[in-house]
Amino acid sequence: YNDLPNYMNKIDVLLEVRDCRNPISSGNPELLKFMNPSIKRIILFNKFDLCDKKKTESIIKNNFKSNEALIL
């Protein structure tokens, strides 16, 4: 955890994998504390086959930018 700020300064893209069954709280808010705005962020939502699809799509659409969220 102590080295996280140093690592975040060395990356260009942050690939974040979240669980579709809990798309908001399955993320790690600590990552965002140290994330430089110039870093491209891609959020992958997995286990879509195990969730309420309409509800999850609505949550993702209302809480994430369309150019950074991808459902697998």
C-alpha atoms as a PDB file:
ATOM      1  CA  TYR A   1       0.000   0.000   0.000  1.00  0.00           C
ATOM      2  CA  ASN A   2       2.822   2.414   0.797  1.00  0.00           C
ATOM      3  CA  ASP A   3       4.248   2.043  -2.712  1.00  0.00           C
ATOM      4  CA  LEU A   4       0.918   2.624  -4.452  1.00  0.00           C
ATOM      5  CA  PRO A   5       1.531   6.350  -5.154  1.00  0.00           C
ATOM      6  CA  ASN A   6       4.874   5.494  -6.780  1.00  0.00           C
ATOM      7  CA  TYR A   7       3.320   2.811  -8.980  1.00  0.00           C
ATOM      8  CA  MET A   8       0.450   5.062 -10.014  1.00  0.00           C
ATOM      9  CA  ASN A   9       2.927   7.635 -11.339  1.00  0.00           C
ATOM     10  CA  LYS A  10       4.452   5.020 -13.643  1.00  0.00           C
ATOM     11  CA  ILE A  11       1.336   3.747 -15.425  1.00  0.00           C
ATOM     12  CA  ASP A  12      -0.589   4.991 -18.454  1.00  0.00           C
ATOM     13  CA  VAL A  13      -3.666   2.752 -18.180  1.00  0.00           C
ATOM     14  CA  LEU A  14      -5.471   1.410 -15.122  1.00  0.00           C
ATOM     15  CA  LEU A  15      -7.412  -1.780 -15.821  1.00  0.00           C
ATOM     16  CA  GLU A  16      -9.922  -2.298 -13.022  1.00  0.00           C
ATOM     17  CA  VAL A  17     -11.958  -5.522 -12.820  1.00  0.00           C
ATOM     18  CA  ARG A  18     -15.221  -5.383 -10.892  1.00  0.00           C
ATOM     19  CA  ASP A  19     -17.966  -7.876 -10.131  1.00  0.00           C
ATOM     20  CA  CYS A  20     -21.284  -7.155 -11.893  1.00  0.00           C
ATOM     21  CA  ARG A  21     -23.185  -8.489  -8.908  1.00  0.00           C
ATOM     22  CA  ASN A  22     -21.925  -5.528  -6.908  1.00  0.00           C
ATOM     23  CA  PRO A  23     -20.554  -2.974  -9.396  1.00  0.00           C
ATOM     24  CA  ILE A  24     -20.110  -0.056  -7.009  1.00  0.00           C
ATOM     25  CA  SER A  25     -18.540  -1.581  -3.922  1.00  0.00           C
ATOM     26  CA  SER A  26     -16.419  -4.181  -5.730  1.00  0.00           C
ATOM     27  CA  GLY A  27     -14.011  -1.392  -6.705  1.00  0.00           C
ATOM     28  CA  ASN A  28     -11.052  -0.212  -4.673  1.00  0.00           C
ATOM     29  CA  PRO A  29     -11.455   3.478  -3.721  1.00  0.00           C
ATOM     30  CA  GLU A  30      -7.823   3.610  -2.598  1.00  0.00           C
ATOM     31  CA  LEU A  31      -6.742   3.408  -6.239  1.00  0.00           C
ATOM     32  CA  LEU A  32      -8.595   6.607  -7.073  1.00  0.00           C
ATOM     33  CA  LYS A  33      -6.924   8.536  -4.259  1.00  0.00           C
ATOM     34  CA  PHE A  34      -3.574   8.216  -5.994  1.00  0.00           C
ATOM     35  CA  MET A  35      -4.703   8.220  -9.603  1.00  0.00           C
ATOM     36  CA  ASN A  36      -3.390  10.979 -11.812  1.00  0.00           C
ATOM     37  CA  PRO A  37      -6.134  12.447 -14.075  1.00  0.00           C
ATOM     38  CA  SER A  38      -3.977  11.722 -17.134  1.00  0.00           C
ATOM     39  CA  ILE A  39      -4.201   7.951 -16.530  1.00  0.00           C
ATOM     40  CA  LYS A  40      -6.683   6.185 -18.802  1.00  0.00           C
ATOM     41  CA  ARG A  41      -9.081   4.076 -16.738  1.00  0.00           C
ATOM     42  CA  ILE A  42     -10.872   1.016 -18.106  1.00  0.00           C
ATOM     43  CA  ILE A  43     -13.363  -0.774 -15.887  1.00  0.00           C
ATOM     44  CA  LEU A  44     -14.254  -4.366 -16.775  1.00  0.00           C
ATOM     45  CA  PHE A  45     -17.355  -5.835 -15.181  1.00  0.00           C
ATOM     46  CA  ASN A  46     -17.236  -9.619 -15.037  1.00  0.00           C
ATOM     47  CA  LYS A  47     -19.749 -12.295 -13.948  1.00  0.00           C
ATOM     48  CA  PHE A  48     -22.534 -10.582 -15.893  1.00  0.00           C
ATOM     49  CA  ASP A  49     -24.244 -13.941 -16.347  1.00  0.00           C
ATOM     50  CA  LEU A  50     -24.765 -14.152 -12.555  1.00  0.00           C
ATOM     51  CA  CYS A  51     -26.449 -10.789 -11.954  1.00  0.00           C
ATOM     52  CA  ASP A  52     -29.761  -9.041 -12.562  1.00  0.00           C
ATOM     53  CA  LYS A  53     -28.840  -7.733 -16.000  1.00  0.00           C
ATOM     54  CA  LYS A  54     -31.266  -4.814 -16.298  1.00  0.00           C
ATOM     55  CA  LYS A  55     -30.530  -3.552 -12.793  1.00  0.00           C
ATOM     56  CA  THR A  56     -26.773  -3.867 -13.262  1.00  0.00           C
ATOM     57  CA  GLU A  57     -26.794  -2.144 -16.661  1.00  0.00           C
ATOM     58  CA  SER A  58     -28.761   0.730 -15.116  1.00  0.00           C
ATOM     59  CA  ILE A  59     -26.300   1.064 -12.218  1.00  0.00           C
ATOM     60  CA  ILE A  60     -23.320   1.045 -14.574  1.00  0.00           C
ATOM     61  CA  LYS A  61     -24.923   3.534 -16.970  1.00  0.00           C
ATOM     62  CA  ASN A  62     -25.772   5.950 -14.131  1.00  0.00           C
ATOM     63  CA  ASN A  63     -22.484   5.709 -12.227  1.00  0.00           C
ATOM     64  CA  PHE A  64     -19.714   5.244 -14.786  1.00  0.00           C
ATOM     65  CA  LYS A  65     -18.607   7.041 -17.926  1.00  0.00           C
ATOM     66  CA  SER A  66     -19.608   5.140 -21.048  1.00  0.00           C
ATOM     67  CA  ASN A  67     -16.094   5.380 -22.488  1.00  0.00           C
ATOM     68  CA  GLU A  68     -14.502   3.652 -19.478  1.00  0.00           C
ATOM     69  CA  ALA A  69     -16.938   0.814 -18.629  1.00  0.00           C
ATOM     70  CA  LEU A  70     -17.120  -2.546 -20.385  1.00  0.00           C
ATOM     71  CA  ILE A  71     -19.327  -5.489 -19.419  1.00  0.00           C
ATOM     72  CA  LEU A  72     -17.890  -8.953 -20.062  1.00  0.00           C
END
